[in-house]
Amino acid sequence: MSQYLIRRVLQAIPLLFLLSIFVFSLIHALPGGPDQVFFNPHLDAAGRAALRARFGLDQPLYIQYLKWLGNTLRGDFGFSFTTNQPVTDILAQRFPNTVELFAVALSIALILAIVLGVIAALRQNTLTDYALTVISYFGISMPAFLLGLFLQDIFGIQLHLLPVSGTATLGVSFTPFDTFLDHLLHLVLPTFALSLLFIAQWSRYMRSSMVDVVKQDYMRTARAKGVATSALVIRHALRNAVIPLITVVAIDFGSVAGGATITEGIFNWPGVGLLFFDSLQSRDFPVLLAVLIISGVFVIMFNLLADILYGVIDPRIRYS
């Protein structure tokens, strides 16, 4: 396993290098540019040239890339064009909020997808299975941004049950427990909006995988030996059926991150996704590059984690 992990990490290095070239070129190919977005439009040509020189935008693109790559390898992502703050400090402020939303939504999506998928598989071709199928198709077909707007209108504006934006209620003093409860209430709608699509998709994969597993010969043998239903499902069927789901989750990791960007924008959740959206509007190159590269690292790490989980769940899987 250790040799496999080392090999995968070494394979990730050229992948990240190519990703950095692609992302850097794509960001700098965006129409407009920071000088046209936030520089003073009344500046003369000399003043504009001085500002471009200050930010290093007057140099050839390959020189800009090499300097950026060298600084990035040292953990220095530069300074934001719009706030002149270190990008590392900005990410440190936003990252915990994104991790919180991402972890809660991903955990809920996984748990509910497995539970609903198992229930649908064990009650195949029954009313329960058909009802879960209809709900799943609704979740798959509903865009995240549209679902977020519906949730805000129904639970926030019409029913006044849940807050619709931010992470806390402003202008109100709470006790520590009430502050924690208020934060949880702010987390409900964005979590549901982010997780629904993946609950719907992953539960269908789980159902399909579970249906195939319960038809295997070893399941019939265990059932004939009198193994209890709960043990049969959890110890025998579930461990084998969840392996394809891990692959799907690892592949969808980037989609979850993309959904988090949309969700944070709709609910004004101050995380990395909202930061990326705002930076895209202002052409804040250093922030955009940092967010995209870090996202690429996490996608690679998540796929590596999925490979490790294969061996943990199924001891028959070995890497050489």
C-alpha atoms as a PDB file:
ATOM      1  CA  MET A   1       0.000   0.000   0.000  1.00  0.00           C
ATOM      2  CA  SER A   2       2.798   2.448   0.847  1.00  0.00           C
ATOM      3  CA  GLN A   3       4.443   1.946  -2.553  1.00  0.00           C
ATOM      4  CA  TYR A   4       1.088   2.497  -4.222  1.00  0.00           C
ATOM      5  CA  LEU A   5       0.526   5.737  -2.319  1.00  0.00           C
ATOM      6  CA  ILE A   6       3.997   7.014  -3.207  1.00  0.00           C
ATOM      7  CA  ARG A   7       3.395   6.171  -6.860  1.00  0.00           C
ATOM      8  CA  ARG A   8       0.040   7.974  -6.878  1.00  0.00           C
ATOM      9  CA  VAL A   9       1.552  11.066  -5.254  1.00  0.00           C
ATOM     10  CA  LEU A  10       4.359  11.114  -7.827  1.00  0.00           C
ATOM     11  CA  GLN A  11       1.758  10.809 -10.606  1.00  0.00           C
ATOM     12  CA  ALA A  12      -0.132  13.772  -9.143  1.00  0.00           C
ATOM     13  CA  ILE A  13       2.870  16.115  -9.435  1.00  0.00           C
ATOM     14  CA  PRO A  14       2.935  16.383 -13.280  1.00  0.00           C
ATOM     15  CA  LEU A  15      -0.879  16.468 -13.259  1.00  0.00           C
ATOM     16  CA  LEU A  16      -0.884  19.492 -10.961  1.00  0.00           C
ATOM     17  CA  PHE A  17       1.851  21.099 -13.059  1.00  0.00           C
ATOM     18  CA  LEU A  18      -0.231  20.773 -16.236  1.00  0.00           C
ATOM     19  CA  LEU A  19      -3.298  21.960 -14.340  1.00  0.00           C
ATOM     20  CA  SER A  20      -1.419  25.060 -13.175  1.00  0.00           C
ATOM     21  CA  ILE A  21      -0.410  25.910 -16.747  1.00  0.00           C
ATOM     22  CA  PHE A  22      -3.958  25.463 -18.009  1.00  0.00           C
ATOM     23  CA  VAL A  23      -5.557  27.437 -15.180  1.00  0.00           C
ATOM     24  CA  PHE A  24      -3.007  30.255 -15.373  1.00  0.00           C
ATOM     25  CA  SER A  25      -3.486  30.609 -19.130  1.00  0.00           C
ATOM     26  CA  LEU A  26      -7.272  30.415 -18.858  1.00  0.00           C
ATOM     27  CA  ILE A  27      -7.504  33.051 -16.130  1.00  0.00           C
ATOM     28  CA  HIS A  28      -5.306  35.481 -18.045  1.00  0.00           C
ATOM     29  CA  ALA A  29      -7.338  34.875 -21.205  1.00  0.00           C
ATOM     30  CA  LEU A  30     -10.503  36.212 -19.538  1.00  0.00           C
ATOM     31  CA  PRO A  31     -11.880  39.254 -21.338  1.00  0.00           C
ATOM     32  CA  GLY A  32     -11.314  42.544 -19.612  1.00  0.00           C
ATOM     33  CA  GLY A  33      -8.706  42.177 -16.931  1.00  0.00           C
ATOM     34  CA  PRO A  34      -8.179  43.721 -13.505  1.00  0.00           C
ATOM     35  CA  ASP A  35      -6.918  47.004 -14.934  1.00  0.00           C
ATOM     36  CA  GLN A  36     -10.233  47.476 -16.769  1.00  0.00           C
ATOM     37  CA  VAL A  37     -12.395  46.352 -13.849  1.00  0.00           C
ATOM     38  CA  PHE A  38     -11.132  48.189 -10.804  1.00  0.00           C
ATOM     39  CA  PHE A  39      -8.416  50.625 -11.933  1.00  0.00           C
ATOM     40  CA  ASN A  40      -9.449  54.260 -12.022  1.00  0.00           C
ATOM     41  CA  PRO A  41     -10.963  54.799 -15.494  1.00  0.00           C
ATOM     42  CA  HIS A  42      -9.743  58.403 -15.488  1.00  0.00           C
ATOM     43  CA  LEU A  43      -6.079  57.415 -15.265  1.00  0.00           C
ATOM     44  CA  ASP A  44      -3.928  58.380 -18.165  1.00  0.00           C
ATOM     45  CA  ALA A  45      -1.824  55.855 -20.071  1.00  0.00           C
ATOM     46  CA  ALA A  46       1.235  56.451 -17.890  1.00  0.00           C
ATOM     47  CA  GLY A  47      -0.680  55.914 -14.669  1.00  0.00           C
ATOM     48  CA  ARG A  48      -2.291  52.729 -16.012  1.00  0.00           C
ATOM     49  CA  ALA A  49       1.090  51.422 -17.125  1.00  0.00           C
ATOM     50  CA  ALA A  50       2.518  52.129 -13.666  1.00  0.00           C
ATOM     51  CA  LEU A  51      -0.286  50.169 -12.022  1.00  0.00           C
ATOM     52  CA  ARG A  52       0.198  47.235 -14.402  1.00  0.00           C
ATOM     53  CA  ALA A  53       3.911  47.270 -13.611  1.00  0.00           C
ATOM     54  CA  ARG A  54       3.135  47.288  -9.874  1.00  0.00           C
ATOM     55  CA  PHE A  55       1.084  44.115 -10.212  1.00  0.00           C
ATOM     56  CA  GLY A  56       3.514  42.526 -12.687  1.00  0.00           C
ATOM     57  CA  LEU A  57       0.949  42.499 -15.487  1.00  0.00           C
ATOM     58  CA  ASP A  58       3.288  44.214 -17.933  1.00  0.00           C
ATOM     59  CA  GLN A  59       5.644  41.233 -18.176  1.00  0.00           C
ATOM     60  CA  PRO A  60       5.340  38.371 -20.689  1.00  0.00           C
ATOM     61  CA  LEU A  61       2.855  35.708 -19.685  1.00  0.00           C
ATOM     62  CA  TYR A  62       5.468  32.977 -19.247  1.00  0.00           C
ATOM     63  CA  ILE A  63       7.504  35.217 -16.915  1.00  0.00           C
ATOM     64  CA  GLN A  64       4.384  35.912 -14.858  1.00  0.00           C
ATOM     65  CA  TYR A  65       3.690  32.169 -14.690  1.00  0.00           C
ATOM     66  CA  LEU A  66       7.191  31.219 -13.585  1.00  0.00           C
ATOM     67  CA  LYS A  67       7.185  33.854 -10.849  1.00  0.00           C
ATOM     68  CA  TRP A  68       3.733  32.807  -9.705  1.00  0.00           C
ATOM     69  CA  LEU A  69       4.691  29.110  -9.709  1.00  0.00           C
ATOM     70  CA  GLY A  70       7.847  29.741  -7.692  1.00  0.00           C
ATOM     71  CA  ASN A  71       5.944  31.749  -5.094  1.00  0.00           C
ATOM     72  CA  THR A  72       3.132  29.186  -4.958  1.00  0.00           C
ATOM     73  CA  LEU A  73       5.556  26.340  -4.248  1.00  0.00           C
ATOM     74  CA  ARG A  74       6.702  28.352  -1.227  1.00  0.00           C
ATOM     75  CA  GLY A  75       3.109  28.801  -0.061  1.00  0.00           C
ATOM     76  CA  ASP A  76       2.912  32.413  -1.192  1.00  0.00           C
ATOM     77  CA  PHE A  77      -0.123  33.077  -3.403  1.00  0.00           C
ATOM     78  CA  GLY A  78       0.586  36.781  -3.673  1.00  0.00           C
ATOM     79  CA  PHE A  79      -1.668  39.724  -2.861  1.00  0.00           C
ATOM     80  CA  SER A  80      -5.256  40.328  -3.859  1.00  0.00           C
ATOM     81  CA  PHE A  81      -5.680  42.921  -6.579  1.00  0.00           C
ATOM     82  CA  THR A  82      -8.865  44.285  -5.001  1.00  0.00           C
ATOM     83  CA  THR A  83      -8.028  44.350  -1.263  1.00  0.00           C
ATOM     84  CA  ASN A  84      -4.202  44.239  -1.362  1.00  0.00           C
ATOM     85  CA  GLN A  85      -4.334  41.571   1.376  1.00  0.00           C
ATOM     86  CA  PRO A  86      -2.255  38.397   1.243  1.00  0.00           C
ATOM     87  CA  VAL A  87      -4.284  35.735  -0.545  1.00  0.00           C
ATOM     88  CA  THR A  88      -3.285  33.230   2.146  1.00  0.00           C
ATOM     89  CA  ASP A  89      -4.923  35.389   4.817  1.00  0.00           C
ATOM     90  CA  ILE A  90      -8.097  35.749   2.751  1.00  0.00           C
ATOM     91  CA  LEU A  91      -8.337  31.990   2.227  1.00  0.00           C
ATOM     92  CA  ALA A  92      -7.707  31.361   5.926  1.00  0.00           C
ATOM     93  CA  GLN A  93     -10.717  33.542   6.740  1.00  0.00           C
ATOM     94  CA  ARG A  94     -13.038  31.894   4.212  1.00  0.00           C
ATOM     95  CA  PHE A  95     -11.858  28.288   4.229  1.00  0.00           C
ATOM     96  CA  PRO A  96     -13.385  27.182   7.574  1.00  0.00           C
ATOM     97  CA  ASN A  97     -16.876  28.225   6.441  1.00  0.00           C
ATOM     98  CA  THR A  98     -16.576  26.232   3.226  1.00  0.00           C
ATOM     99  CA  VAL A  99     -15.200  23.189   5.032  1.00  0.00           C
ATOM    100  CA  GLU A 100     -18.117  23.329   7.480  1.00  0.00           C
ATOM    101  CA  LEU A 101     -20.761  23.557   4.746  1.00  0.00           C
ATOM    102  CA  PHE A 102     -18.991  20.991   2.591  1.00  0.00           C
ATOM    103  CA  ALA A 103     -18.464  18.460   5.395  1.00  0.00           C
ATOM    104  CA  VAL A 104     -22.018  18.694   6.728  1.00  0.00           C
ATOM    105  CA  ALA A 105     -23.628  18.488   3.280  1.00  0.00           C
ATOM    106  CA  LEU A 106     -21.370  15.635   2.134  1.00  0.00           C
ATOM    107  CA  SER A 107     -21.937  13.637   5.338  1.00  0.00           C
ATOM    108  CA  ILE A 108     -25.710  14.046   5.161  1.00  0.00           C
ATOM    109  CA  ALA A 109     -25.737  13.193   1.458  1.00  0.00           C
ATOM    110  CA  LEU A 110     -23.703  10.021   1.985  1.00  0.00           C
ATOM    111  CA  ILE A 111     -25.705   8.784   4.962  1.00  0.00           C
ATOM    112  CA  LEU A 112     -29.111   9.433   3.402  1.00  0.00           C
ATOM    113  CA  ALA A 113     -28.034   8.089   0.009  1.00  0.00           C
ATOM    114  CA  ILE A 114     -26.894   4.808   1.544  1.00  0.00           C
ATOM    115  CA  VAL A 115     -29.997   4.458   3.714  1.00  0.00           C
ATOM    116  CA  LEU A 116     -32.455   5.329   0.940  1.00  0.00           C
ATOM    117  CA  GLY A 117     -30.600   3.195  -1.591  1.00  0.00           C
ATOM    118  CA  VAL A 118     -30.662   0.154   0.691  1.00  0.00           C
ATOM    119  CA  ILE A 119     -34.356   0.642   1.484  1.00  0.00           C
ATOM    120  CA  ALA A 120     -35.234   0.964  -2.209  1.00  0.00           C
ATOM    121  CA  ALA A 121     -33.201  -2.146  -3.079  1.00  0.00           C
ATOM    122  CA  LEU A 122     -34.688  -4.298  -0.322  1.00  0.00           C
ATOM    123  CA  ARG A 123     -38.206  -3.152  -1.291  1.00  0.00           C
ATOM    124  CA  GLN A 124     -37.631  -3.426  -5.021  1.00  0.00           C
ATOM    125  CA  ASN A 125     -40.710  -2.846  -7.217  1.00  0.00           C
ATOM    126  CA  THR A 126     -42.879  -1.812  -4.276  1.00  0.00           C
ATOM    127  CA  LEU A 127     -44.649   1.477  -3.569  1.00  0.00           C
ATOM    128  CA  THR A 128     -41.724   2.533  -1.372  1.00  0.00           C
ATOM    129  CA  ASP A 129     -39.264   1.925  -4.199  1.00  0.00           C
ATOM    130  CA  TYR A 130     -41.389   3.859  -6.687  1.00  0.00           C
ATOM    131  CA  ALA A 131     -41.832   6.782  -4.274  1.00  0.00           C
ATOM    132  CA  LEU A 132     -38.087   7.023  -3.623  1.00  0.00           C
ATOM    133  CA  THR A 133     -37.452   6.835  -7.365  1.00  0.00           C
ATOM    134  CA  VAL A 134     -39.786   9.768  -8.034  1.00  0.00           C
ATOM    135  CA  ILE A 135     -38.139  11.810  -5.267  1.00  0.00           C
ATOM    136  CA  SER A 136     -34.700  10.957  -6.642  1.00  0.00           C
ATOM    137  CA  TYR A 137     -35.613  12.079 -10.152  1.00  0.00           C
ATOM    138  CA  PHE A 138     -36.958  15.323  -8.714  1.00  0.00           C
ATOM    139  CA  GLY A 139     -33.663  15.927  -6.924  1.00  0.00           C
ATOM    140  CA  ILE A 140     -31.613  15.093 -10.012  1.00  0.00           C
ATOM    141  CA  SER A 141     -33.631  17.398 -12.275  1.00  0.00           C
ATOM    142  CA  MET A 142     -33.750  20.379  -9.875  1.00  0.00           C
ATOM    143  CA  PRO A 143     -30.907  22.884 -10.464  1.00  0.00           C
ATOM    144  CA  ALA A 144     -29.104  23.926  -7.283  1.00  0.00           C
ATOM    145  CA  PHE A 145     -29.636  27.645  -7.835  1.00  0.00           C
ATOM    146  CA  LEU A 146     -33.366  27.204  -8.460  1.00  0.00           C
ATOM    147  CA  LEU A 147     -33.764  24.967  -5.414  1.00  0.00           C
ATOM    148  CA  GLY A 148     -31.938  27.534  -3.292  1.00  0.00           C
ATOM    149  CA  LEU A 149     -34.288  30.305  -4.411  1.00  0.00           C
ATOM    150  CA  PHE A 150     -37.346  28.140  -3.700  1.00  0.00           C
ATOM    151  CA  LEU A 151     -36.049  27.310  -0.229  1.00  0.00           C
ATOM    152  CA  GLN A 152     -35.403  30.961   0.533  1.00  0.00           C
ATOM    153  CA  ASP A 153     -38.877  31.951  -0.612  1.00  0.00           C
ATOM    154  CA  ILE A 154     -40.756  29.149   1.170  1.00  0.00           C
ATOM    155  CA  PHE A 155     -38.914  28.777   4.476  1.00  0.00           C
ATOM    156  CA  GLY A 156     -37.500  32.280   4.789  1.00  0.00           C
ATOM    157  CA  ILE A 157     -39.939  34.737   3.234  1.00  0.00           C
ATOM    158  CA  GLN A 158     -43.289  32.932   3.346  1.00  0.00           C
ATOM    159  CA  LEU A 159     -43.020  30.856   6.535  1.00  0.00           C
ATOM    160  CA  HIS A 160     -40.341  32.877   8.378  1.00  0.00           C
ATOM    161  CA  LEU A 161     -38.885  29.665   9.790  1.00  0.00           C
ATOM    162  CA  LEU A 162     -35.233  29.845   8.743  1.00  0.00           C
ATOM    163  CA  PRO A 163     -32.705  32.579   7.865  1.00  0.00           C
ATOM    164  CA  VAL A 164     -31.909  32.913   4.190  1.00  0.00           C
ATOM    165  CA  SER A 165     -28.361  34.318   4.122  1.00  0.00           C
ATOM    166  CA  GLY A 166     -25.121  34.632   6.042  1.00  0.00           C
ATOM    167  CA  THR A 167     -23.836  32.590   8.948  1.00  0.00           C
ATOM    168  CA  ALA A 168     -25.302  34.531  11.874  1.00  0.00           C
ATOM    169  CA  THR A 169     -27.982  37.059  12.759  1.00  0.00           C
ATOM    170  CA  LEU A 170     -26.445  40.518  12.833  1.00  0.00           C
ATOM    171  CA  GLY A 171     -27.193  43.168  15.431  1.00  0.00           C
ATOM    172  CA  VAL A 172     -28.464  40.740  18.087  1.00  0.00           C
ATOM    173  CA  SER A 173     -26.637  39.623  21.239  1.00  0.00           C
ATOM    174  CA  PHE A 174     -26.954  35.918  22.030  1.00  0.00           C
ATOM    175  CA  THR A 175     -25.729  33.623  24.750  1.00  0.00           C
ATOM    176  CA  PRO A 176     -23.043  31.169  23.584  1.00  0.00           C
ATOM    177  CA  PHE A 177     -25.619  28.384  23.206  1.00  0.00           C
ATOM    178  CA  ASP A 178     -28.057  30.633  21.322  1.00  0.00           C
ATOM    179  CA  THR A 179     -25.216  31.772  19.081  1.00  0.00           C
ATOM    180  CA  PHE A 180     -24.446  28.151  18.241  1.00  0.00           C
ATOM    181  CA  LEU A 181     -28.148  27.440  17.617  1.00  0.00           C
ATOM    182  CA  ASP A 182     -28.467  30.523  15.424  1.00  0.00           C
ATOM    183  CA  HIS A 183     -25.506  29.385  13.362  1.00  0.00           C
ATOM    184  CA  LEU A 184     -27.070  25.941  12.910  1.00  0.00           C
ATOM    185  CA  LEU A 185     -30.288  27.527  11.670  1.00  0.00           C
ATOM    186  CA  HIS A 186     -28.302  29.498   9.090  1.00  0.00           C
ATOM    187  CA  LEU A 187     -26.671  26.246   7.989  1.00  0.00           C
ATOM    188  CA  VAL A 188     -29.909  24.342   7.316  1.00  0.00           C
ATOM    189  CA  LEU A 189     -30.995  25.784   3.957  1.00  0.00           C
ATOM    190  CA  PRO A 190     -27.595  25.879   2.195  1.00  0.00           C
ATOM    191  CA  THR A 191     -26.853  22.357   3.413  1.00  0.00           C
ATOM    192  CA  PHE A 192     -30.134  21.025   2.080  1.00  0.00           C
ATOM    193  CA  ALA A 193     -29.741  22.869  -1.227  1.00  0.00           C
ATOM    194  CA  LEU A 194     -26.222  21.499  -1.705  1.00  0.00           C
ATOM    195  CA  SER A 195     -26.897  17.921  -0.623  1.00  0.00           C
ATOM    196  CA  LEU A 196     -30.238  17.172  -2.331  1.00  0.00           C
ATOM    197  CA  LEU A 197     -28.813  16.604  -5.807  1.00  0.00           C
ATOM    198  CA  PHE A 198     -26.153  14.221  -4.559  1.00  0.00           C
ATOM    199  CA  ILE A 199     -28.573  12.377  -2.280  1.00  0.00           C
ATOM    200  CA  ALA A 200     -30.750  11.751  -5.330  1.00  0.00           C
ATOM    201  CA  GLN A 201     -27.877  10.643  -7.568  1.00  0.00           C
ATOM    202  CA  TRP A 202     -25.968   8.545  -5.075  1.00  0.00           C
ATOM    203  CA  SER A 203     -29.090   6.779  -3.757  1.00  0.00           C
ATOM    204  CA  ARG A 204     -29.797   5.537  -7.299  1.00  0.00           C
ATOM    205  CA  TYR A 205     -26.250   4.165  -7.594  1.00  0.00           C
ATOM    206  CA  MET A 206     -26.579   2.581  -4.167  1.00  0.00           C
ATOM    207  CA  ARG A 207     -29.891   0.972  -5.052  1.00  0.00           C
ATOM    208  CA  SER A 208     -28.520  -0.465  -8.301  1.00  0.00           C
ATOM    209  CA  SER A 209     -25.413  -1.814  -6.586  1.00  0.00           C
ATOM    210  CA  MET A 210     -27.407  -3.271  -3.706  1.00  0.00           C
ATOM    211  CA  VAL A 211     -29.836  -5.019  -6.072  1.00  0.00           C
ATOM    212  CA  ASP A 212     -26.909  -6.730  -7.806  1.00  0.00           C
ATOM    213  CA  VAL A 213     -25.292  -7.797  -4.527  1.00  0.00           C
ATOM    214  CA  VAL A 214     -28.391  -9.352  -2.942  1.00  0.00           C
ATOM    215  CA  LYS A 215     -28.728 -11.628  -5.992  1.00  0.00           C
ATOM    216  CA  GLN A 216     -25.253 -13.108  -5.557  1.00  0.00           C
ATOM    217  CA  ASP A 217     -24.814 -16.780  -4.632  1.00  0.00           C
ATOM    218  CA  TYR A 218     -23.043 -16.064  -1.349  1.00  0.00           C
ATOM    219  CA  MET A 219     -26.052 -14.028  -0.233  1.00  0.00           C
ATOM    220  CA  ARG A 220     -28.378 -16.950  -0.926  1.00  0.00           C
ATOM    221  CA  THR A 221     -26.017 -19.260   0.949  1.00  0.00           C
ATOM    222  CA  ALA A 222     -25.877 -16.966   3.976  1.00  0.00           C
ATOM    223  CA  ARG A 223     -29.654 -16.626   3.942  1.00  0.00           C
ATOM    224  CA  ALA A 224     -30.042 -20.426   3.759  1.00  0.00           C
ATOM    225  CA  LYS A 225     -27.747 -20.796   6.767  1.00  0.00           C
ATOM    226  CA  GLY A 226     -30.128 -18.671   8.801  1.00  0.00           C
ATOM    227  CA  VAL A 227     -28.080 -15.497   9.035  1.00  0.00           C
ATOM    228  CA  ALA A 228     -30.206 -12.706  10.502  1.00  0.00           C
ATOM    229  CA  THR A 229     -31.509 -10.123   8.030  1.00  0.00           C
ATOM    230  CA  SER A 230     -29.751  -7.213   9.714  1.00  0.00           C
ATOM    231  CA  ALA A 231     -26.395  -9.012   9.727  1.00  0.00           C
ATOM    232  CA  LEU A 232     -26.957 -10.158   6.163  1.00  0.00           C
ATOM    233  CA  VAL A 233     -27.550  -6.609   4.968  1.00  0.00           C
ATOM    234  CA  ILE A 234     -24.870  -4.806   7.009  1.00  0.00           C
ATOM    235  CA  ARG A 235     -22.029  -7.332   7.165  1.00  0.00           C
ATOM    236  CA  HIS A 236     -22.388  -8.989   3.776  1.00  0.00           C
ATOM    237  CA  ALA A 237     -24.392  -6.910   1.307  1.00  0.00           C
ATOM    238  CA  LEU A 238     -23.641  -3.335   2.354  1.00  0.00           C
ATOM    239  CA  ARG A 239     -19.853  -3.637   2.491  1.00  0.00           C
ATOM    240  CA  ASN A 240     -19.741  -4.914  -1.083  1.00  0.00           C
ATOM    241  CA  ALA A 241     -22.466  -2.648  -2.449  1.00  0.00           C
ATOM    242  CA  VAL A 242     -20.884   0.542  -1.141  1.00  0.00           C
ATOM    243  CA  ILE A 243     -17.641   0.115  -3.118  1.00  0.00           C
ATOM    244  CA  PRO A 244     -19.084   1.397  -6.447  1.00  0.00           C
ATOM    245  CA  LEU A 245     -20.629   4.300  -4.537  1.00  0.00           C
ATOM    246  CA  ILE A 246     -17.189   5.337  -3.264  1.00  0.00           C
ATOM    247  CA  THR A 247     -16.002   5.589  -6.862  1.00  0.00           C
ATOM    248  CA  VAL A 248     -18.970   7.760  -7.806  1.00  0.00           C
ATOM    249  CA  VAL A 249     -18.491  10.028  -4.793  1.00  0.00           C
ATOM    250  CA  ALA A 250     -14.801  10.472  -5.611  1.00  0.00           C
ATOM    251  CA  ILE A 251     -15.618  11.374  -9.223  1.00  0.00           C
ATOM    252  CA  ASP A 252     -18.370  13.780  -8.107  1.00  0.00           C
ATOM    253  CA  PHE A 253     -16.097  15.578  -5.643  1.00  0.00           C
ATOM    254  CA  GLY A 254     -15.459  18.368  -8.126  1.00  0.00           C
ATOM    255  CA  SER A 255     -19.191  18.671  -8.789  1.00  0.00           C
ATOM    256  CA  VAL A 256     -19.836  19.030  -5.060  1.00  0.00           C
ATOM    257  CA  ALA A 257     -17.275  21.840  -4.938  1.00  0.00           C
ATOM    258  CA  GLY A 258     -18.930  23.510  -7.922  1.00  0.00           C
ATOM    259  CA  GLY A 259     -22.310  23.178  -6.259  1.00  0.00           C
ATOM    260  CA  ALA A 260     -20.861  24.747  -3.120  1.00  0.00           C
ATOM    261  CA  THR A 261     -19.845  27.806  -5.153  1.00  0.00           C
ATOM    262  CA  ILE A 262     -23.398  28.264  -6.440  1.00  0.00           C
ATOM    263  CA  THR A 263     -24.921  27.587  -3.031  1.00  0.00           C
ATOM    264  CA  GLU A 264     -22.618  30.023  -1.246  1.00  0.00           C
ATOM    265  CA  GLY A 265     -23.481  32.681  -3.789  1.00  0.00           C
ATOM    266  CA  ILE A 266     -27.237  32.221  -3.348  1.00  0.00           C
ATOM    267  CA  PHE A 267     -27.183  32.117   0.451  1.00  0.00           C
ATOM    268  CA  ASN A 268     -24.362  34.661   0.831  1.00  0.00           C
ATOM    269  CA  TRP A 269     -22.356  32.080   2.755  1.00  0.00           C
ATOM    270  CA  PRO A 270     -18.913  33.668   3.289  1.00  0.00           C
ATOM    271  CA  GLY A 271     -16.807  30.780   2.060  1.00  0.00           C
ATOM    272  CA  VAL A 272     -14.293  30.084  -0.676  1.00  0.00           C
ATOM    273  CA  GLY A 273     -17.060  29.567  -3.251  1.00  0.00           C
ATOM    274  CA  LEU A 274     -18.468  33.048  -2.741  1.00  0.00           C
ATOM    275  CA  LEU A 275     -14.910  34.401  -2.734  1.00  0.00           C
ATOM    276  CA  PHE A 276     -14.281  32.739  -6.100  1.00  0.00           C
ATOM    277  CA  PHE A 277     -17.477  34.220  -7.542  1.00  0.00           C
ATOM    278  CA  ASP A 278     -16.610  37.724  -6.327  1.00  0.00           C
ATOM    279  CA  SER A 279     -13.012  37.394  -7.546  1.00  0.00           C
ATOM    280  CA  LEU A 280     -14.206  36.276 -10.955  1.00  0.00           C
ATOM    281  CA  GLN A 281     -16.259  39.440 -11.313  1.00  0.00           C
ATOM    282  CA  SER A 282     -13.342  41.671 -10.323  1.00  0.00           C
ATOM    283  CA  ARG A 283     -10.720  39.663 -12.278  1.00  0.00           C
ATOM    284  CA  ASP A 284      -8.725  39.165  -9.079  1.00  0.00           C
ATOM    285  CA  PHE A 285      -6.176  36.812 -10.660  1.00  0.00           C
ATOM    286  CA  PRO A 286      -4.174  35.805  -7.558  1.00  0.00           C
ATOM    287  CA  VAL A 287      -7.290  34.762  -5.634  1.00  0.00           C
ATOM    288  CA  LEU A 288      -8.772  32.890  -8.601  1.00  0.00           C
ATOM    289  CA  LEU A 289      -5.544  30.991  -9.205  1.00  0.00           C
ATOM    290  CA  ALA A 290      -5.173  30.054  -5.541  1.00  0.00           C
ATOM    291  CA  VAL A 291      -8.744  28.771  -5.279  1.00  0.00           C
ATOM    292  CA  LEU A 292      -8.509  26.712  -8.476  1.00  0.00           C
ATOM    293  CA  ILE A 293      -5.152  25.135  -7.621  1.00  0.00           C
ATOM    294  CA  ILE A 294      -6.245  24.278  -4.084  1.00  0.00           C
ATOM    295  CA  SER A 295      -9.451  22.768  -5.488  1.00  0.00           C
ATOM    296  CA  GLY A 296      -7.392  20.621  -7.851  1.00  0.00           C
ATOM    297  CA  VAL A 297      -5.248  19.388  -4.962  1.00  0.00           C
ATOM    298  CA  PHE A 298      -8.329  18.415  -2.981  1.00  0.00           C
ATOM    299  CA  VAL A 299      -9.865  16.550  -5.926  1.00  0.00           C
ATOM    300  CA  ILE A 300      -6.683  14.493  -6.310  1.00  0.00           C
ATOM    301  CA  MET A 301      -6.492  13.855  -2.563  1.00  0.00           C
ATOM    302  CA  PHE A 302     -10.123  12.781  -2.430  1.00  0.00           C
ATOM    303  CA  ASN A 303      -9.630  10.276  -5.246  1.00  0.00           C
ATOM    304  CA  LEU A 304      -6.579   8.914  -3.424  1.00  0.00           C
ATOM    305  CA  LEU A 305      -8.643   8.599  -0.254  1.00  0.00           C
ATOM    306  CA  ALA A 306     -11.261   6.652  -2.209  1.00  0.00           C
ATOM    307  CA  ASP A 307      -8.621   4.154  -3.328  1.00  0.00           C
ATOM    308  CA  ILE A 308      -7.518   3.703   0.273  1.00  0.00           C
ATOM    309  CA  LEU A 309     -11.103   3.119   1.405  1.00  0.00           C
ATOM    310  CA  TYR A 310     -11.472   0.315  -1.132  1.00  0.00           C
ATOM    311  CA  GLY A 311      -8.883  -1.719   0.726  1.00  0.00           C
ATOM    312  CA  VAL A 312     -10.358  -0.838   4.135  1.00  0.00           C
ATOM    313  CA  ILE A 313     -13.901  -1.884   3.207  1.00  0.00           C
ATOM    314  CA  ASP A 314     -12.985  -4.926   1.136  1.00  0.00           C
ATOM    315  CA  PRO A 315      -9.865  -6.799   2.399  1.00  0.00           C
ATOM    316  CA  ARG A 316      -9.729  -8.711  -0.879  1.00  0.00           C
ATOM    317  CA  ILE A 317      -8.558  -5.541  -2.657  1.00  0.00           C
ATOM    318  CA  ARG A 318      -4.780  -5.251  -2.588  1.00  0.00           C
ATOM    319  CA  TYR A 319      -2.436  -2.815  -4.305  1.00  0.00           C
ATOM    320  CA  SER A 320       0.944  -3.941  -5.555  1.00  0.00           C
END
